[in-house]
Protein backbone atom coordinates (compact mmCIF):
# COMPACT_ATOMS: atom_id res chain seq x y z
CA MET A 1 13.92 5.03 14.30
CA SER A 2 16.16 3.90 17.24
CA ALA A 3 16.56 -0.49 17.84
CA ASP A 4 14.15 1.11 20.85
CA ALA A 5 11.57 1.91 19.01
CA TRP A 6 10.95 -1.17 17.17
CA ARG A 7 9.39 -4.30 18.89
CA VAL A 8 10.83 -6.82 17.17
CA GLU A 9 8.55 -10.73 17.00
CA PRO A 10 9.94 -14.08 15.61
CA MET A 11 7.54 -15.26 12.70
CA GLY A 12 8.38 -19.08 12.83
CA ASP A 13 12.33 -19.91 11.84
CA LEU A 14 12.15 -17.93 8.45
CA ALA A 15 11.25 -14.15 9.49
CA LEU A 16 10.78 -11.44 12.10
CA LEU A 17 7.85 -8.95 12.36
CA LEU A 18 9.26 -5.39 12.89
CA HIS A 19 6.67 -3.22 14.69
CA ALA A 20 7.06 0.49 14.55
CA GLY A 21 3.46 1.53 16.36
CA GLU A 22 -0.38 0.98 16.04
CA GLY A 23 -3.27 2.33 13.65
CA LEU A 24 -3.47 3.82 10.18
CA ASP A 25 -1.42 6.80 10.37
CA ASP A 26 0.62 8.34 7.86
CA ALA A 27 3.51 8.94 10.12
CA THR A 28 3.98 5.58 11.46
CA SER A 29 3.88 4.02 7.87
CA ALA A 30 6.61 6.73 6.85
CA ARG A 31 8.59 4.87 9.18
CA VAL A 32 8.08 1.89 8.19
CA HIS A 33 8.78 2.23 4.07
CA ALA A 34 11.91 3.92 5.86
CA ALA A 35 13.28 1.37 7.23
CA ALA A 36 12.29 -0.74 4.48
CA ALA A 37 14.68 1.33 2.46
CA ALA A 38 17.24 1.11 4.69
CA LEU A 39 17.45 -2.08 5.17
CA ALA A 40 17.08 -2.96 1.15
CA ALA A 41 20.13 -0.52 0.81
CA ALA A 42 22.20 -2.10 3.42
CA ARG A 43 22.23 -6.03 1.36
CA LEU A 44 22.39 -7.72 4.33
CA PRO A 45 23.41 -10.96 3.58
CA GLY A 46 20.58 -13.68 3.70
CA LEU A 47 17.62 -10.82 3.96
CA VAL A 48 15.42 -12.44 1.11
CA ASP A 49 12.70 -10.38 1.13
CA LEU A 50 11.33 -7.19 2.87
CA VAL A 51 7.19 -6.81 2.71
CA PRO A 52 5.55 -3.44 4.19
CA ALA A 53 2.21 -3.56 6.43
CA TYR A 54 0.66 -0.40 7.67
CA ALA A 55 2.72 -0.28 11.06
CA SER A 56 5.15 -3.26 10.70
CA LEU A 57 7.82 -4.97 8.45
CA LEU A 58 8.24 -8.15 7.61
CA LEU A 59 12.06 -9.35 7.33
CA ARG A 60 12.36 -13.06 5.26
CA PHE A 61 15.46 -14.18 5.94
CA ASP A 62 17.98 -17.51 5.52
CA PRO A 63 18.53 -19.31 8.81
CA PHE A 64 21.36 -21.06 7.14
CA VAL A 65 23.27 -18.11 6.60
CA TRP A 66 22.27 -16.04 10.23
CA GLY A 67 22.72 -20.15 12.03
CA ASP A 68 25.85 -20.97 13.60
CA ALA A 69 26.32 -23.70 16.10
CA ALA A 70 29.13 -21.93 17.97
CA ALA A 71 26.91 -19.09 18.44
CA ALA A 72 24.53 -18.72 21.50
CA GLN A 73 22.27 -16.61 19.69
CA THR A 74 19.38 -17.98 17.28
CA PRO A 75 19.23 -17.26 13.68
CA SER A 76 16.31 -15.06 14.19
CA ALA A 77 17.98 -13.15 17.41
CA ARG A 78 21.19 -12.65 14.89
CA CYS A 79 18.99 -11.27 12.01
CA ALA A 80 17.05 -8.91 14.04
CA GLU A 81 20.16 -7.20 16.32
CA ALA A 82 21.82 -7.16 12.91
CA ALA A 83 18.45 -5.12 11.23
CA LEU A 84 18.13 -3.29 14.33
CA SER A 85 22.08 -2.32 13.85
CA VAL A 86 21.32 -1.22 10.56
CA LEU A 87 18.20 1.21 11.27
CA ASP A 88 19.94 2.74 14.11
CA HIS A 89 23.31 3.89 12.03
CA ALA A 90 20.26 5.03 8.86
CA GLN A 91 18.73 7.24 11.73
CA ARG A 92 21.95 8.50 12.96
CA GLY A 93 22.99 9.36 9.49
CA GLY A 94 19.63 10.93 8.21
CA ALA A 95 19.30 8.63 5.44
CA ALA A 96 16.11 6.93 7.15
CA ALA A 97 14.18 10.40 6.74
CA ARG A 98 15.03 10.02 2.72
CA LEU A 99 11.52 8.21 0.72
CA PRO A 100 10.78 7.46 -2.62
CA ALA A 101 9.80 10.25 -4.45
CA ARG A 102 7.97 8.75 -7.14
CA THR A 103 4.45 10.18 -7.93
CA LEU A 104 2.03 8.28 -10.16
CA GLU A 105 -1.40 9.64 -11.56
CA ILE A 106 -4.31 7.45 -11.84
CA PRO A 107 -6.99 8.79 -14.06
CA VAL A 108 -10.56 7.62 -12.56
CA CYS A 109 -13.92 7.77 -13.86
CA TYR A 110 -16.25 9.03 -11.20
CA GLY A 111 -19.61 7.62 -10.30
CA GLY A 112 -22.21 5.91 -12.80
CA GLU A 113 -21.49 2.36 -13.54
CA PHE A 114 -18.06 2.80 -12.94
CA GLY A 115 -19.17 4.05 -9.22
CA PRO A 116 -22.03 2.64 -8.47
CA ASP A 117 -21.90 3.94 -4.52
CA LEU A 118 -20.62 7.34 -5.19
CA ALA A 119 -23.80 9.16 -5.09
CA GLU A 120 -25.02 7.15 -1.37
CA LEU A 121 -21.33 8.50 -0.27
CA ALA A 122 -21.69 11.38 -0.92
CA ALA A 123 -24.82 11.47 1.15
CA HIS A 124 -23.32 9.86 4.21
CA ALA A 125 -20.97 12.50 4.15
CA GLY A 126 -23.00 15.59 3.71
CA LEU A 127 -22.00 16.19 -0.16
CA GLU A 128 -23.32 16.87 -3.21
CA VAL A 129 -21.37 14.47 -5.32
CA ARG A 130 -19.60 16.84 -7.30
CA ALA A 131 -17.81 18.00 -4.11
CA ALA A 132 -17.24 14.55 -3.01
CA VAL A 133 -15.39 13.71 -6.16
CA ALA A 134 -13.18 17.11 -6.04
CA LEU A 135 -12.80 16.19 -2.11
CA HIS A 136 -11.65 12.80 -3.29
CA SER A 137 -9.24 13.06 -6.11
CA GLY A 138 -8.00 16.17 -4.80
CA ALA A 139 -6.21 14.65 -1.64
CA ASP A 140 -2.65 13.27 -1.77
CA TYR A 141 -2.71 9.72 -1.00
CA ARG A 142 0.58 7.26 0.06
CA VAL A 143 0.50 3.50 -1.04
CA ALA A 144 1.06 1.78 2.71
CA MET A 145 1.25 -1.55 1.14
CA LEU A 146 0.19 -3.77 -0.99
CA GLY A 147 -2.21 -7.01 0.18
CA PHE A 148 -5.53 -8.61 -0.30
CA ALA A 149 -4.79 -9.62 -3.78
CA PRO A 150 -1.32 -8.90 -6.20
CA GLY A 151 -1.60 -5.03 -6.77
CA PHE A 152 -4.07 -4.30 -4.51
CA PRO A 153 -3.15 -0.92 -3.07
CA TYR A 154 -4.03 0.45 0.31
CA LEU A 155 -4.01 4.04 0.21
CA LEU A 156 -3.93 6.16 3.10
CA GLY A 157 -4.48 10.01 2.85
CA LEU A 158 -8.37 9.64 2.69
CA PRO A 159 -9.99 12.85 3.49
CA ALA A 160 -11.88 12.33 7.31
CA ALA A 161 -15.10 13.35 5.62
CA LEU A 162 -15.36 10.77 3.72
CA HIS A 163 -14.46 7.76 5.88
CA ALA A 164 -17.12 5.09 5.27
CA PRO A 165 -17.99 1.87 6.31
CA ARG A 166 -17.99 -0.97 4.53
CA ARG A 167 -21.28 -2.45 2.64
CA ALA A 168 -23.42 -4.62 4.85
CA THR A 169 -23.56 -7.10 2.54
CA PRO A 170 -20.22 -7.84 0.03
CA ARG A 171 -20.32 -8.22 -3.79
CA THR A 172 -19.43 -11.14 -5.16
CA ARG A 173 -17.83 -9.17 -8.32
CA VAL A 174 -16.30 -6.17 -7.92
CA PRO A 175 -14.97 -4.82 -11.39
CA ALA A 176 -10.80 -4.30 -12.41
CA GLY A 177 -9.79 -0.98 -11.48
CA SER A 178 -12.76 -0.43 -9.03
CA VAL A 179 -12.01 2.89 -7.07
CA ALA A 180 -13.25 2.30 -3.41
CA ILE A 181 -13.86 3.24 -0.01
CA GLY A 182 -13.50 1.09 3.20
CA GLY A 183 -13.44 2.94 6.82
CA ALA A 184 -10.76 5.68 6.65
CA GLN A 185 -8.98 3.70 3.25
CA THR A 186 -8.83 4.04 -0.14
CA GLY A 187 -8.22 1.09 -2.59
CA ILE A 188 -8.04 -0.14 -6.17
CA TYR A 189 -9.34 -3.73 -6.94
CA PRO A 190 -6.64 -4.83 -9.66
CA ARG A 191 -8.95 -7.49 -11.11
CA GLU A 192 -12.79 -8.48 -10.65
CA LEU A 193 -12.66 -9.85 -7.41
CA PRO A 194 -15.42 -9.84 -4.38
CA GLY A 195 -15.30 -7.21 -2.01
CA GLY A 196 -17.43 -5.15 0.34
CA TRP A 197 -15.97 -1.62 -0.04
CA GLN A 198 -17.82 1.25 -1.36
CA LEU A 199 -17.50 1.52 -4.85
CA ILE A 200 -17.02 5.32 -6.01
CA GLY A 201 -15.30 5.03 -9.31
CA ARG A 202 -12.87 2.91 -11.55
CA THR A 203 -9.74 3.84 -13.34
CA PRO A 204 -8.80 1.93 -16.71
CA LEU A 205 -5.63 1.20 -16.24
CA ARG A 206 -4.09 -2.25 -15.32
CA LEU A 207 -2.51 -2.59 -11.63
CA PHE A 208 -1.44 -5.86 -11.85
CA ASP A 209 -0.08 -7.39 -15.02
CA PRO A 210 2.44 -10.73 -14.58
CA MET A 211 3.50 -10.28 -17.85
CA ARG A 212 5.12 -6.60 -17.18
CA ALA A 213 9.38 -6.45 -15.81
CA GLU A 214 6.95 -5.11 -12.57
CA PRO A 215 3.84 -7.04 -12.56
CA ALA A 216 2.37 -4.29 -9.84
CA LEU A 217 1.71 -0.69 -10.91
CA LEU A 218 2.00 0.80 -7.91
CA ALA A 219 5.11 0.07 -4.84
CA PRO A 220 4.54 0.13 -1.03
CA GLY A 221 5.78 4.33 -0.60
CA ASP A 222 4.53 6.01 -3.80
CA ARG A 223 2.73 8.83 -3.91
CA VAL A 224 -0.31 8.69 -5.83
CA ARG A 225 -2.75 11.81 -7.36
CA LEU A 226 -6.04 10.69 -8.58
CA ARG A 227 -7.28 12.16 -11.94
CA PRO A 228 -11.45 12.54 -12.75
CA ILE A 229 -11.63 11.83 -16.56
CA ASP A 230 -14.86 11.11 -18.16
CA ALA A 231 -16.63 7.94 -19.50
CA ALA A 232 -14.67 8.71 -23.05
CA ALA A 233 -11.46 8.86 -21.84
CA PHE A 234 -12.07 5.94 -19.87
CA ASP A 235 -13.04 4.12 -22.83
CA ALA A 236 -10.19 5.43 -24.86
CA LEU A 237 -7.69 4.72 -22.06
CA ALA A 238 -9.05 1.09 -21.58
CA SER A 239 -8.61 0.57 -25.27
CA ALA A 240 -4.70 2.11 -25.43
CA ALA A 241 -4.01 -0.19 -22.20
CA ASP A 242 -5.81 -3.67 -24.01
CA SER A 243 -3.75 -2.86 -27.22
CA GLY A 244 -0.66 -2.54 -25.02
CA ALA A 245 -0.04 0.89 -26.30
C-alpha cells in the first residue's frame, strides 16, 4: 500500500478521493478497508470522516486545519501528503494488512413471499431452488460499503453462478429486510424502498435503526454469514425485533 499505489483526486475544497484500483474484487476492497483502518488509527488532525467504497476511500478534512498562508501547498495537497505517509508507514509495519475481524450472522427466509424472484433466478443459474439457496447462504461475504440508503450493505462474495442482471422494470416498493442480487453483488434493503434487484429472501433483522447507538447494523469491512430460516422463525425474530428484545 505504498503512496505510488494510490491515485489522489481532489474533491472540491473539503475532500480527497484515494483510488486503490478498479472493479469489484475482494483484494481491492480489502486494501480500501485496510487504508481506512490505518488512517482512523492515526487520528490525523482535521480529518473528519472516512468513507470507503468498492475501490476508493473518501477523506473529508477541515481546510482550516490544513491551510497555512505561508505554505506553498494547498490544504488538500498537505492532507494528501500526510495521508499517504500514514499508509506507507502502515504498509512497512504490516499494520495495513490487519482488517476488522467482526463476523455477523444474518438469518434469511428464502423464497415464497419473502423472495419472489428466487425460482426465476435459480432457473437462470441452471440450479434447483434448494441448491441455489445452499450456494447463496454458504458463501463468505464482506461488506464492501454502505450506500444507496442508510444502512444498505453492498456484499462482495456472491458465487459467480448466481450473478444475475437487475430487473428490467424496478419495483416501486421493496420490503424492508429484502435480500437481493444485482449483477455480481448481494445487498439487503434496510427499509421499504424502490429497487430493481432480484429479491430472493428477507431477514427479520433491522439493518438501520436511528435510535440505536450505532444505527447501522453492519459496517464496511464486516464479514457476513447468511443463515437460512423458515417462516415461523422469521415471524418469531420479527416479533422480538418489534418488541425491542
